[in-house]
N, C-alpha and C. Protein backbone atom coordinates (compact mmCIF):
# COMPACT_ATOMS: atom_id res chain seq x y z
N MET A 1 168.88 -14.02 -87.52
CA MET A 1 167.79 -13.34 -86.47
C MET A 1 167.50 -13.71 -85.40
N GLU A 2 166.92 -15.18 -85.93
CA GLU A 2 166.32 -15.90 -84.95
C GLU A 2 167.32 -16.43 -83.57
N GLU A 3 168.56 -16.28 -83.95
CA GLU A 3 169.29 -16.54 -83.09
C GLU A 3 169.46 -15.28 -81.96
N LEU A 4 169.57 -14.22 -82.31
CA LEU A 4 169.68 -13.26 -81.64
C LEU A 4 168.34 -12.90 -80.69
N ILE A 5 167.30 -13.24 -81.42
CA ILE A 5 165.88 -13.05 -80.61
C ILE A 5 165.55 -14.34 -79.60
N ALA A 6 166.05 -15.24 -79.76
CA ALA A 6 165.85 -16.09 -79.00
C ALA A 6 166.89 -16.18 -77.95
N GLY A 7 167.96 -15.43 -78.06
CA GLY A 7 169.11 -15.04 -77.27
C GLY A 7 169.07 -14.40 -76.19
N PRO A 8 170.11 -13.98 -75.28
CA PRO A 8 169.93 -12.90 -74.55
C PRO A 8 169.61 -11.67 -74.31
N TRP A 9 169.94 -11.61 -75.59
CA TRP A 9 169.86 -9.96 -76.36
C TRP A 9 168.13 -9.56 -76.65
N GLY A 10 167.20 -11.10 -77.10
CA GLY A 10 166.24 -11.18 -77.27
C GLY A 10 165.18 -10.17 -76.54
N PRO A 11 165.27 -10.12 -75.47
CA PRO A 11 164.21 -9.49 -74.54
C PRO A 11 164.48 -7.97 -75.05
N ALA A 12 165.87 -7.51 -74.88
CA ALA A 12 166.17 -5.97 -74.95
C ALA A 12 165.70 -5.56 -76.31
N LEU A 13 165.89 -6.65 -77.22
CA LEU A 13 165.33 -5.90 -78.55
C LEU A 13 163.86 -5.91 -78.68
N ILE A 14 163.17 -6.42 -78.44
CA ILE A 14 161.72 -6.61 -78.19
C ILE A 14 161.27 -5.36 -77.31
N PHE A 15 161.92 -4.94 -76.51
CA PHE A 15 161.97 -3.74 -75.53
C PHE A 15 161.68 -2.65 -76.30
N VAL A 16 163.03 -2.63 -77.21
CA VAL A 16 163.52 -1.66 -77.90
C VAL A 16 162.31 -1.24 -79.34
N LEU A 17 162.09 -2.29 -79.81
CA LEU A 17 161.14 -2.27 -80.62
C LEU A 17 159.80 -1.95 -80.45
N ARG A 18 159.07 -2.42 -79.23
CA ARG A 18 157.71 -1.88 -78.70
C ARG A 18 158.22 -0.56 -78.11
N LEU A 19 158.89 -0.19 -77.85
CA LEU A 19 159.40 1.32 -77.30
C LEU A 19 159.36 2.02 -78.73
N SER A 20 159.91 1.91 -79.80
CA SER A 20 159.57 2.45 -80.80
C SER A 20 158.42 2.63 -81.37
N ASP A 21 157.32 1.38 -81.72
CA ASP A 21 156.55 1.29 -82.46
C ASP A 21 155.22 1.82 -81.71
N VAL A 22 155.34 1.65 -80.24
CA VAL A 22 154.24 2.53 -79.48
C VAL A 22 154.43 4.00 -79.32
N SER A 23 155.69 4.30 -79.26
CA SER A 23 155.94 5.91 -79.37
C SER A 23 155.18 6.53 -80.40
N LEU A 24 155.92 5.92 -81.71
CA LEU A 24 155.13 6.15 -82.80
C LEU A 24 153.52 6.19 -83.14
N ALA A 25 153.29 5.13 -82.49
CA ALA A 25 151.61 5.00 -82.32
C ALA A 25 150.90 6.37 -81.89
N THR A 26 151.85 6.78 -80.66
CA THR A 26 151.12 7.94 -79.87
C THR A 26 151.26 8.92 -80.51
N VAL A 27 152.49 9.16 -80.96
CA VAL A 27 152.51 10.48 -82.05
C VAL A 27 151.75 10.63 -82.94
N ARG A 28 151.32 9.28 -83.67
CA ARG A 28 150.70 9.37 -85.02
C ARG A 28 149.20 9.65 -84.56
N ILE A 29 148.90 9.19 -83.68
CA ILE A 29 147.20 9.27 -83.25
C ILE A 29 147.04 10.48 -82.55
N LEU A 30 148.11 11.50 -82.16
CA LEU A 30 147.79 12.67 -81.76
C LEU A 30 148.32 13.95 -82.92
N LEU A 31 148.58 13.21 -83.97
CA LEU A 31 148.91 14.01 -85.10
C LEU A 31 147.83 13.95 -86.01
N ILE A 32 146.80 13.07 -85.98
CA ILE A 32 145.92 12.84 -87.05
C ILE A 32 144.96 14.48 -87.05
N HIS A 33 144.60 15.06 -86.36
CA HIS A 33 144.20 16.42 -86.63
C HIS A 33 145.01 17.86 -87.25
N ARG A 34 146.51 17.16 -86.93
CA ARG A 34 147.23 18.57 -86.93
C ARG A 34 148.16 18.47 -88.09
N ARG A 35 148.89 17.06 -88.43
CA ARG A 35 149.60 16.94 -89.66
C ARG A 35 149.61 15.53 -90.25
N ARG A 36 148.23 15.80 -91.02
CA ARG A 36 147.65 14.40 -91.67
C ARG A 36 148.63 14.02 -92.79
N SER A 37 149.39 14.84 -93.18
CA SER A 37 150.36 13.80 -94.45
C SER A 37 151.34 13.37 -94.07
N LEU A 38 151.85 13.30 -92.34
CA LEU A 38 152.62 12.39 -91.61
C LEU A 38 151.97 11.29 -91.38
N VAL A 39 150.65 10.99 -91.02
CA VAL A 39 150.20 10.10 -90.47
C VAL A 39 150.27 8.74 -91.00
N PRO A 40 150.11 8.59 -92.26
CA PRO A 40 150.21 7.39 -93.12
C PRO A 40 151.73 6.74 -92.70
N VAL A 41 152.72 7.62 -93.17
CA VAL A 41 154.20 7.16 -92.92
C VAL A 41 154.53 7.03 -91.75
N LEU A 42 153.60 7.49 -90.31
CA LEU A 42 154.12 6.98 -89.17
C LEU A 42 153.77 5.82 -89.33
N GLY A 43 152.58 5.39 -89.68
CA GLY A 43 151.51 4.12 -89.54
C GLY A 43 152.13 2.95 -90.26
N PHE A 44 152.94 3.21 -91.52
CA PHE A 44 153.69 2.12 -92.14
C PHE A 44 154.82 1.71 -91.12
N VAL A 45 155.73 2.91 -91.04
CA VAL A 45 156.94 2.44 -90.03
C VAL A 45 156.34 2.06 -88.56
N GLU A 46 155.41 2.32 -88.14
CA GLU A 46 155.14 1.70 -87.18
C GLU A 46 154.59 0.64 -87.12
N MET A 47 154.00 -0.09 -88.54
CA MET A 47 153.45 -1.56 -88.47
C MET A 47 154.54 -2.37 -88.76
N CYS A 48 155.58 -1.88 -89.30
CA CYS A 48 156.64 -2.59 -89.56
C CYS A 48 157.31 -3.23 -88.53
N ILE A 49 157.61 -2.12 -87.74
CA ILE A 49 158.46 -2.65 -86.43
C ILE A 49 157.65 -3.58 -85.36
N TRP A 50 156.10 -3.24 -85.24
CA TRP A 50 155.34 -4.06 -84.83
C TRP A 50 155.30 -5.28 -85.06
N ALA A 51 155.33 -5.74 -86.43
CA ALA A 51 155.33 -6.79 -86.83
C ALA A 51 156.64 -7.79 -86.25
N VAL A 52 158.00 -7.18 -86.72
CA VAL A 52 158.86 -8.00 -85.98
C VAL A 52 158.88 -7.98 -84.62
N ALA A 53 158.19 -7.09 -83.68
CA ALA A 53 158.24 -7.37 -82.34
C ALA A 53 156.96 -8.57 -82.11
N VAL A 54 155.85 -8.47 -82.43
CA VAL A 54 155.18 -9.54 -82.09
C VAL A 54 155.54 -10.54 -82.46
N GLY A 55 156.10 -10.96 -83.67
CA GLY A 55 156.60 -12.16 -84.21
C GLY A 55 158.04 -12.98 -83.41
N ALA A 56 158.81 -11.94 -82.98
CA ALA A 56 159.77 -12.32 -82.03
C ALA A 56 159.14 -12.60 -80.64
N THR A 57 158.08 -12.31 -80.34
CA THR A 57 157.45 -12.29 -78.82
C THR A 57 156.54 -13.83 -79.16
N VAL A 58 156.03 -14.27 -79.91
CA VAL A 58 155.39 -15.15 -80.29
C VAL A 58 156.07 -16.16 -80.59
N SER A 59 157.47 -16.13 -81.17
CA SER A 59 158.06 -17.37 -81.44
C SER A 59 158.94 -17.79 -80.04
N ASN A 60 158.72 -17.10 -78.93
CA ASN A 60 159.46 -17.16 -77.62
C ASN A 60 158.40 -17.06 -76.76
N LEU A 61 157.21 -17.77 -77.06
CA LEU A 61 156.42 -17.42 -75.71
C LEU A 61 156.66 -18.35 -74.33
N THR A 62 157.67 -19.10 -74.58
CA THR A 62 157.97 -19.95 -73.31
C THR A 62 158.80 -19.11 -72.63
N SER A 63 159.21 -17.79 -72.72
CA SER A 63 160.40 -17.29 -72.25
C SER A 63 159.49 -15.94 -71.45
N PRO A 64 159.75 -16.02 -70.19
CA PRO A 64 158.46 -15.07 -69.53
C PRO A 64 159.42 -13.72 -69.67
N LEU A 65 160.68 -13.42 -69.76
CA LEU A 65 161.32 -12.18 -70.08
C LEU A 65 161.03 -11.72 -71.34
N HIS A 66 161.04 -12.41 -72.38
CA HIS A 66 160.37 -12.04 -73.72
C HIS A 66 158.81 -11.50 -73.69
N ILE A 67 158.23 -11.92 -72.92
CA ILE A 67 156.91 -11.53 -72.91
C ILE A 67 156.71 -10.45 -71.86
N ILE A 68 157.65 -10.15 -70.88
CA ILE A 68 157.63 -9.01 -69.79
C ILE A 68 158.41 -7.66 -70.82
N SER A 69 159.19 -8.10 -71.59
CA SER A 69 159.85 -6.97 -72.60
C SER A 69 158.83 -6.33 -73.30
N TYR A 70 158.06 -7.57 -74.07
CA TYR A 70 157.27 -7.06 -74.99
C TYR A 70 156.19 -5.90 -73.99
N ALA A 71 155.68 -6.24 -73.06
CA ALA A 71 154.70 -5.30 -72.21
C ALA A 71 155.35 -4.15 -71.64
N ALA A 72 156.60 -4.34 -71.31
CA ALA A 72 157.59 -3.26 -70.81
C ALA A 72 157.44 -2.20 -71.80
N GLY A 73 157.83 -2.74 -72.94
CA GLY A 73 158.22 -1.88 -74.21
C GLY A 73 156.99 -1.08 -74.53
N PHE A 74 155.68 -1.68 -74.40
CA PHE A 74 154.15 -0.87 -74.59
C PHE A 74 154.26 -0.10 -73.52
N ALA A 75 154.41 -0.11 -72.23
CA ALA A 75 154.29 0.99 -71.16
C ALA A 75 155.11 2.17 -71.52
N ALA A 76 156.51 1.87 -71.68
CA ALA A 76 157.61 2.87 -71.77
C ALA A 76 157.02 3.66 -73.22
N GLY A 77 156.82 3.02 -74.08
CA GLY A 77 156.55 3.48 -75.24
C GLY A 77 155.45 4.69 -75.54
N SER A 78 154.06 4.21 -74.53
CA SER A 78 153.39 4.98 -74.26
C SER A 78 153.66 6.10 -73.56
N TRP A 79 154.72 6.14 -72.51
CA TRP A 79 155.23 7.38 -71.86
C TRP A 79 156.09 8.28 -72.65
N LEU A 80 156.80 7.50 -73.61
CA LEU A 80 158.02 8.36 -74.59
C LEU A 80 157.08 8.71 -75.71
N GLY A 81 156.03 8.25 -76.16
CA GLY A 81 155.26 9.33 -77.34
C GLY A 81 154.78 10.32 -76.51
N ILE A 82 153.96 10.46 -75.67
CA ILE A 82 153.50 11.60 -74.74
C ILE A 82 154.63 12.52 -74.63
N ARG A 83 155.55 12.27 -74.23
CA ARG A 83 156.81 13.17 -74.15
C ARG A 83 156.99 13.98 -75.43
N ILE A 84 157.35 12.73 -76.47
CA ILE A 84 157.62 13.75 -77.86
C ILE A 84 156.84 14.42 -78.26
N GLU A 85 155.50 14.16 -78.19
CA GLU A 85 154.26 15.14 -78.53
C GLU A 85 154.35 16.36 -77.86
N GLU A 86 154.32 16.27 -76.56
CA GLU A 86 154.60 17.46 -75.90
C GLU A 86 155.73 18.39 -76.10
N ARG A 87 156.90 17.82 -76.30
CA ARG A 87 158.31 18.55 -76.96
C ARG A 87 157.81 19.08 -78.31
N MET A 88 157.25 18.54 -79.43
CA MET A 88 157.03 18.91 -80.48
C MET A 88 155.97 20.56 -80.73
N ALA A 89 154.85 19.98 -79.65
CA ALA A 89 153.78 21.47 -79.12
C ALA A 89 153.54 21.88 -80.52
N ILE A 90 152.89 20.78 -81.32
CA ILE A 90 152.23 21.45 -82.62
C ILE A 90 150.52 21.77 -82.22
N GLY A 91 150.33 22.78 -82.99
CA GLY A 91 148.98 23.23 -83.15
C GLY A 91 148.74 24.35 -82.03
N LEU A 92 147.36 24.68 -81.85
CA LEU A 92 147.18 25.70 -81.17
C LEU A 92 146.60 25.61 -79.64
N ALA A 93 146.85 26.60 -78.91
CA ALA A 93 146.01 26.59 -77.55
C ALA A 93 145.34 27.54 -77.47
N MET A 94 144.09 27.44 -76.49
CA MET A 94 143.35 28.59 -76.06
C MET A 94 143.11 28.53 -74.65
N LEU A 95 143.57 29.92 -74.08
CA LEU A 95 143.60 30.00 -72.79
C LEU A 95 142.66 31.15 -72.35
N ARG A 96 141.93 30.64 -70.97
CA ARG A 96 141.09 31.71 -71.08
C ARG A 96 141.18 31.80 -69.37
N VAL A 97 141.51 32.99 -69.24
CA VAL A 97 142.10 33.64 -68.11
C VAL A 97 141.07 34.35 -67.20
N VAL A 98 140.76 34.00 -65.95
CA VAL A 98 139.74 34.96 -65.09
C VAL A 98 140.42 35.51 -64.04
N VAL A 99 140.05 36.81 -63.96
CA VAL A 99 140.98 37.43 -62.59
C VAL A 99 139.56 38.46 -62.09
N ARG A 100 139.76 38.56 -60.92
CA ARG A 100 138.92 39.57 -60.23
C ARG A 100 139.01 40.83 -60.60
N GLU A 101 140.41 41.11 -60.77
CA GLU A 101 140.64 42.76 -60.76
C GLU A 101 141.80 43.20 -61.65
N GLY A 102 142.07 44.18 -62.22
CA GLY A 102 143.36 44.41 -62.68
C GLY A 102 143.18 43.82 -64.40
N GLY A 103 142.17 43.41 -64.98
CA GLY A 103 142.11 42.70 -66.26
C GLY A 103 142.63 43.30 -67.13
N GLU A 104 142.22 44.83 -67.33
CA GLU A 104 142.87 45.33 -68.57
C GLU A 104 144.42 45.87 -68.44
N GLU A 105 145.11 45.99 -67.29
CA GLU A 105 146.12 45.83 -67.29
C GLU A 105 147.46 44.40 -67.72
N ILE A 106 146.65 43.44 -66.90
CA ILE A 106 147.09 42.01 -67.39
C ILE A 106 146.90 41.54 -68.86
N ALA A 107 145.69 42.24 -69.44
CA ALA A 107 145.85 42.08 -70.94
C ALA A 107 146.66 43.12 -71.56
N GLY A 108 146.74 44.08 -71.18
CA GLY A 108 147.89 45.05 -71.52
C GLY A 108 149.62 44.25 -71.65
N PHE A 109 149.79 43.80 -70.52
CA PHE A 109 151.14 42.94 -70.04
C PHE A 109 151.22 41.87 -71.15
N LEU A 110 150.03 41.06 -71.12
CA LEU A 110 150.26 40.12 -72.27
C LEU A 110 150.26 40.43 -73.63
N ARG A 111 149.79 42.03 -74.23
CA ARG A 111 150.02 41.87 -75.39
C ARG A 111 151.03 42.58 -75.90
N ALA A 112 151.88 43.28 -74.50
CA ALA A 112 153.29 43.78 -74.77
C ALA A 112 154.01 42.66 -74.88
N GLY A 113 153.77 41.20 -74.34
CA GLY A 113 154.57 40.43 -74.62
C GLY A 113 154.41 39.26 -75.97
N GLY A 114 153.16 39.97 -77.04
CA GLY A 114 153.18 39.52 -78.00
C GLY A 114 152.21 38.79 -78.13
N PHE A 115 151.35 38.74 -77.54
CA PHE A 115 150.20 37.72 -77.39
C PHE A 115 148.62 38.73 -78.05
N GLY A 116 147.73 38.05 -78.34
CA GLY A 116 146.54 38.58 -78.85
C GLY A 116 145.48 38.46 -77.87
N VAL A 117 144.57 39.15 -77.18
CA VAL A 117 143.99 39.25 -75.98
C VAL A 117 142.58 39.73 -76.25
N THR A 118 141.70 39.10 -76.09
CA THR A 118 140.36 39.45 -75.99
C THR A 118 139.67 39.61 -74.88
N GLU A 119 138.94 40.72 -74.60
CA GLU A 119 138.84 40.88 -72.93
C GLU A 119 137.49 41.27 -73.07
N THR A 120 136.65 40.37 -71.81
CA THR A 120 135.26 40.41 -71.89
C THR A 120 134.92 40.50 -70.10
N MET A 121 133.75 41.09 -69.94
CA MET A 121 133.55 41.29 -68.30
C MET A 121 132.65 40.15 -68.02
N GLY A 122 132.63 39.60 -66.81
CA GLY A 122 131.71 38.37 -66.57
C GLY A 122 131.19 38.26 -65.23
N LYS A 123 130.44 37.49 -64.75
CA LYS A 123 130.14 37.70 -63.28
C LYS A 123 130.27 36.37 -62.73
N GLY A 124 131.33 36.23 -61.85
CA GLY A 124 131.65 35.22 -60.74
C GLY A 124 130.95 34.86 -59.81
N LYS A 125 131.13 34.22 -59.07
CA LYS A 125 130.44 33.55 -57.51
C LYS A 125 130.51 34.82 -56.82
N ASP A 126 131.50 35.70 -56.90
CA ASP A 126 131.93 36.47 -56.18
C ASP A 126 131.46 38.06 -56.32
N GLY A 127 131.13 37.94 -57.55
CA GLY A 127 131.14 39.30 -58.29
C GLY A 127 131.68 39.56 -59.44
N PRO A 128 131.72 40.78 -59.89
CA PRO A 128 132.52 40.61 -61.44
C PRO A 128 133.77 40.28 -61.50
N VAL A 129 134.18 39.71 -62.81
CA VAL A 129 135.64 39.29 -62.96
C VAL A 129 135.74 39.50 -64.55
N PHE A 130 137.03 39.67 -64.91
CA PHE A 130 137.51 39.95 -66.23
C PHE A 130 137.88 38.78 -66.68
N ILE A 131 137.67 38.72 -68.01
CA ILE A 131 137.75 37.04 -68.74
C ILE A 131 138.62 37.50 -70.11
N LEU A 132 139.99 36.89 -69.98
CA LEU A 132 140.84 37.23 -71.12
C LEU A 132 140.99 36.05 -72.06
N ASN A 133 140.72 35.83 -73.28
CA ASN A 133 140.59 34.96 -74.11
C ASN A 133 141.97 35.07 -74.67
N LEU A 134 142.74 34.17 -74.74
CA LEU A 134 144.13 34.08 -75.98
C LEU A 134 143.91 32.64 -76.54
N VAL A 135 144.46 32.76 -78.20
CA VAL A 135 144.50 31.56 -78.77
C VAL A 135 146.18 31.69 -79.09
N LEU A 136 146.98 30.90 -79.03
CA LEU A 136 148.14 31.00 -79.37
C LEU A 136 148.91 29.95 -79.57
N SER A 137 150.07 29.98 -80.37
CA SER A 137 150.55 28.58 -80.65
C SER A 137 150.82 27.70 -79.24
N ARG A 138 151.06 26.19 -79.48
CA ARG A 138 151.30 25.63 -78.18
C ARG A 138 152.70 25.72 -77.61
N LYS A 139 153.78 26.40 -78.75
CA LYS A 139 154.89 26.44 -78.01
C LYS A 139 154.87 27.54 -77.19
N ASP A 140 154.06 28.43 -77.27
CA ASP A 140 154.03 29.78 -76.58
C ASP A 140 153.22 29.51 -75.21
N VAL A 141 152.67 28.32 -74.85
CA VAL A 141 151.76 28.50 -73.55
C VAL A 141 152.79 28.54 -72.22
N ARG A 142 153.83 27.73 -72.17
CA ARG A 142 154.81 27.93 -70.91
C ARG A 142 155.06 29.41 -70.64
N ARG A 143 155.53 30.17 -72.07
CA ARG A 143 155.71 31.81 -71.79
C ARG A 143 154.81 32.60 -71.40
N CYS A 144 153.48 32.36 -71.80
CA CYS A 144 152.43 32.92 -71.25
C CYS A 144 151.84 32.54 -69.85
N VAL A 145 151.91 31.76 -69.35
CA VAL A 145 151.81 30.97 -68.60
C VAL A 145 152.93 32.02 -67.46
N ALA A 146 153.91 31.81 -67.88
CA ALA A 146 154.85 32.34 -66.69
C ALA A 146 154.58 33.99 -66.51
N LEU A 147 154.24 34.24 -67.76
CA LEU A 147 153.92 35.83 -67.61
C LEU A 147 153.05 36.02 -66.58
N LEU A 148 151.88 35.31 -66.82
CA LEU A 148 150.72 35.24 -65.74
C LEU A 148 150.93 34.94 -64.45
N GLU A 149 152.08 34.01 -64.09
CA GLU A 149 152.35 33.95 -63.01
C GLU A 149 152.84 35.13 -62.36
N VAL A 150 153.59 35.94 -63.04
CA VAL A 150 154.16 36.98 -62.49
C VAL A 150 153.16 38.20 -62.32
N GLU A 151 152.52 38.54 -63.11
CA GLU A 151 151.58 39.64 -63.34
C GLU A 151 150.09 39.01 -62.68
N ALA A 152 149.62 37.91 -62.51
CA ALA A 152 148.31 37.60 -61.82
C ALA A 152 148.63 36.14 -61.26
N PRO A 153 149.26 36.20 -60.41
CA PRO A 153 149.34 34.66 -59.57
C PRO A 153 148.31 33.93 -59.36
N ASP A 154 147.15 34.70 -59.13
CA ASP A 154 145.99 33.99 -58.40
C ASP A 154 144.98 33.73 -59.67
N ALA A 155 145.34 34.21 -60.85
CA ALA A 155 144.33 33.53 -62.14
C ALA A 155 143.71 32.42 -62.06
N PHE A 156 142.60 32.33 -62.41
CA PHE A 156 142.16 31.04 -62.79
C PHE A 156 142.40 30.86 -64.49
N VAL A 157 142.96 29.87 -64.82
CA VAL A 157 143.55 29.89 -66.09
C VAL A 157 142.91 28.29 -66.58
N VAL A 158 142.23 28.26 -67.68
CA VAL A 158 141.79 27.06 -68.30
C VAL A 158 142.23 27.09 -69.55
N MET A 159 143.14 25.79 -70.20
CA MET A 159 143.75 25.43 -71.17
C MET A 159 142.94 24.58 -72.24
N GLU A 160 142.64 25.00 -73.30
CA GLU A 160 141.67 23.96 -74.28
C GLU A 160 142.69 23.75 -75.67
N GLU A 161 142.20 22.92 -76.39
CA GLU A 161 142.82 22.96 -77.82
C GLU A 161 142.02 22.87 -79.05
N PRO A 162 141.85 24.20 -79.28
CA PRO A 162 141.04 24.63 -80.63
C PRO A 162 141.39 23.60 -81.83
N ARG A 163 140.22 23.10 -82.43
CA ARG A 163 140.63 22.55 -83.51
C ARG A 163 140.97 23.47 -84.75
N GLY A 164 140.64 24.57 -84.86
CA GLY A 164 141.18 25.50 -85.68
C GLY A 164 140.83 26.81 -85.55
N VAL A 165 141.33 27.96 -86.13
CA VAL A 165 140.78 29.24 -86.08
C VAL A 165 140.90 29.43 -87.35
N GLN A 166 139.96 31.09 -87.90
CA GLN A 166 139.69 31.67 -88.87
C GLN A 166 139.73 33.19 -88.40
N HIS A 167 140.68 33.93 -89.39
CA HIS A 167 140.98 35.22 -89.11
C HIS A 167 141.76 35.38 -87.93
N GLY A 168 141.74 36.64 -87.45
CA GLY A 168 142.34 36.99 -86.14
C GLY A 168 143.52 37.33 -85.90
N PHE A 169 143.92 37.74 -84.79
CA PHE A 169 145.53 38.26 -84.72
C PHE A 169 146.73 37.24 -84.88
N LEU A 170 146.11 36.14 -84.46
CA LEU A 170 147.06 34.85 -84.46
C LEU A 170 147.35 34.64 -86.07
N LYS A 171 146.13 34.58 -86.96
CA LYS A 171 146.36 34.49 -88.24
C LYS A 171 147.24 35.77 -89.02
N ARG A 172 147.33 37.00 -88.26
CA ARG A 172 147.77 37.79 -88.86
C ARG A 172 149.44 37.72 -88.94
N MET A 173 149.48 37.23 -87.62
CA MET A 173 151.10 37.08 -87.10
C MET A 173 151.83 35.96 -88.10
N HIS A 174 151.09 35.06 -88.50
CA HIS A 174 151.59 33.73 -89.17
C HIS A 174 151.76 34.43 -90.84
N ARG A 175 151.35 35.44 -91.18
CA ARG A 175 151.38 35.63 -92.62
C ARG A 175 152.68 36.18 -93.10
């Protein structure tokens, strides 16, 4: 193994190891509040990979390529971990949609699309507004936003991540 790491393939191996362990770390951190049972397993695998990567780099500190590969793997792993988590789309999202007019029609359009919507009236800078609140699966956010782009292209949309929900339309849908 030492010959492989010290040789010309060493930097590439270190890069791949860092890419793997940092992307796992990113996903692990993002899953702490969503899938707790998976977190220790990811942490164990992450640390095993990291130990090999750091050992390979430390044993070749005189090689700039090994050090650059270690750092580049870290950067690429951060990017990849974020992309993986986005694709997994685990958890919930809360959308707050503010429109000046047509709030009831937009709410009906969203309900017809399968979303639970709570309507309230508010007062904005320029007068009355409709505030539509939705709690939905993160996997459904793109579809919901696409519907809003069609029905209310000028809507002000705020997306948040709730820590959890209790009761309500979303819970009934999942039963």
